[in-house]
Amino acid sequence: MKFLLDANIPPSLADDLIGHWVEHVTSFPLGTSTTDGEINEYCYKNNCILITKDSDFYDTFVLFKKPPKLILVKLGNLRIRELRAFFRKNWDLIESLISKHSLIILTPESIKALP
């Protein structure tokens, strides 16, 4: 699987997604100034799963199915080590769900998969 980490996700999360192609938006020519539209198009063209905290991507996913797959992180303001620990603890479930579903929403209470 290919993953793109949005600007609001720490680049160090890539270290926890072992065995997958992972890129962070800071590697783009415009870095964190890359527009949401450009990120959506990149994910669409490169078949990437976007991991973000930005709920604007949820709106474009619902309306336009862009990006093609989305992991929306709604865990609040966690420290980087806490966010990484959450992903490490739940990665097997997240990975399994995103392989079968297009949208995963992560909250402190649940991990929800939607078609």
Protein backbone atom coordinates (compact mmCIF):
# COMPACT_ATOMS: atom_id res chain seq x y z
CA MET A 1 0.00 0.00 0.00
CA LYS A 2 1.03 3.59 -0.62
CA PHE A 3 0.43 6.25 2.02
CA LEU A 4 0.69 10.01 1.95
CA LEU A 5 1.02 11.78 5.29
CA ASP A 6 -0.55 15.24 5.33
CA ALA A 7 1.20 18.26 6.87
CA ASN A 8 -0.59 17.80 10.19
CA ILE A 9 0.77 14.26 10.61
CA PRO A 10 4.37 13.95 11.83
CA PRO A 11 6.82 12.61 9.24
CA SER A 12 8.14 10.21 11.89
CA LEU A 13 4.91 8.20 11.61
CA ALA A 14 6.39 6.76 8.41
CA ASP A 15 8.80 4.77 10.62
CA ASP A 16 5.81 2.87 12.03
CA LEU A 17 4.25 1.94 8.68
CA ILE A 18 6.88 -0.69 7.94
CA GLY A 19 6.65 -2.50 4.63
CA HIS A 20 4.67 0.24 2.92
CA TRP A 21 5.57 3.09 0.60
CA VAL A 22 5.13 6.26 2.66
CA GLU A 23 5.64 9.87 1.65
CA HIS A 24 5.11 13.07 3.61
CA VAL A 25 3.74 16.22 1.98
CA THR A 26 6.90 18.07 3.01
CA SER A 27 8.68 16.19 0.20
CA PHE A 28 6.50 17.99 -2.38
CA PRO A 29 7.93 21.05 -4.16
CA LEU A 30 5.58 23.38 -2.23
CA GLY A 31 5.85 21.36 0.99
CA THR A 32 3.22 22.28 3.53
CA SER A 33 1.92 25.00 1.17
CA THR A 34 0.63 22.30 -1.19
CA THR A 35 -3.12 22.81 -1.63
CA ASP A 36 -5.72 20.25 -0.62
CA GLY A 37 -6.70 19.97 -4.30
CA GLU A 38 -3.13 19.14 -5.27
CA ILE A 39 -2.91 16.56 -2.49
CA ASN A 40 -6.19 14.98 -3.62
CA GLU A 41 -5.02 14.82 -7.23
CA TYR A 42 -1.68 13.32 -6.22
CA CYS A 43 -3.41 10.62 -4.15
CA TYR A 44 -5.84 9.91 -6.98
CA LYS A 45 -3.13 9.64 -9.65
CA ASN A 46 -0.77 7.61 -7.46
CA ASN A 47 -3.37 5.45 -5.71
CA CYS A 48 -2.29 6.71 -2.29
CA ILE A 49 -4.12 6.44 0.98
CA LEU A 50 -4.12 9.84 2.68
CA ILE A 51 -3.59 10.02 6.44
CA THR A 52 -4.69 13.40 7.80
CA LYS A 53 -6.29 15.28 10.69
CA ASP A 54 -7.87 17.78 8.26
CA SER A 55 -11.63 17.24 8.10
CA ASP A 56 -11.80 19.18 4.80
CA PHE A 57 -10.53 15.98 3.17
CA TYR A 58 -13.52 14.13 4.62
CA ASP A 59 -15.80 16.58 2.80
CA THR A 60 -14.07 16.10 -0.55
CA PHE A 61 -14.03 12.35 -0.01
CA VAL A 62 -17.79 12.28 0.57
CA LEU A 63 -18.56 14.63 -2.33
CA PHE A 64 -16.01 13.57 -4.94
CA LYS A 65 -14.36 10.33 -3.73
CA LYS A 66 -11.04 12.17 -3.59
CA PRO A 67 -8.73 11.04 -2.19
CA PRO A 68 -9.62 7.46 -3.18
CA LYS A 69 -8.91 6.22 0.38
CA LEU A 70 -8.72 8.24 3.57
CA ILE A 71 -7.64 7.66 7.15
CA LEU A 72 -9.04 10.56 9.17
CA VAL A 73 -7.32 11.03 12.52
CA LYS A 74 -9.67 12.57 15.09
CA LEU A 75 -7.73 11.75 18.24
CA GLY A 76 -7.38 15.27 19.58
CA ASN A 77 -4.08 16.95 20.34
CA LEU A 78 -1.82 14.02 21.07
CA ARG A 79 1.91 14.30 21.42
CA ILE A 80 3.85 12.74 18.57
CA ARG A 81 4.89 9.76 20.67
CA GLU A 82 1.26 9.18 21.71
CA LEU A 83 0.05 9.33 18.11
CA ARG A 84 2.76 6.92 17.02
CA ALA A 85 1.92 4.59 19.92
CA PHE A 86 -1.75 4.63 18.86
CA PHE A 87 -0.82 3.64 15.31
CA ARG A 88 1.58 0.91 16.48
CA LYS A 89 -1.01 -0.54 18.85
CA ASN A 90 -3.82 -0.49 16.27
CA TRP A 91 -1.93 -0.87 13.00
CA ASP A 92 -2.97 -4.43 12.23
CA LEU A 93 -6.66 -3.45 12.50
CA ILE A 94 -6.21 -0.17 10.58
CA GLU A 95 -4.26 -1.91 7.81
CA SER A 96 -6.86 -4.67 7.54
CA LEU A 97 -9.77 -2.21 7.42
CA ILE A 98 -8.22 0.15 4.86
CA SER A 99 -7.54 -2.78 2.54
CA LYS A 100 -11.31 -3.46 2.43
CA HIS A 101 -12.81 0.00 2.97
CA SER A 102 -12.28 3.49 1.59
CA LEU A 103 -12.63 5.50 4.78
CA ILE A 104 -11.30 4.89 8.29
CA ILE A 105 -12.04 7.34 11.10
CA LEU A 106 -9.86 7.08 14.19
CA THR A 107 -11.29 8.47 17.43
CA PRO A 108 -10.30 7.90 21.05
CA GLU A 109 -13.36 5.68 21.45
CA SER A 110 -13.32 3.72 18.19
CA ILE A 111 -11.91 2.87 14.81
CA LYS A 112 -14.72 3.12 12.27
CA ALA A 113 -14.63 1.79 8.73
CA LEU A 114 -16.99 3.13 6.10
CA PRO A 115 -17.41 2.02 2.51
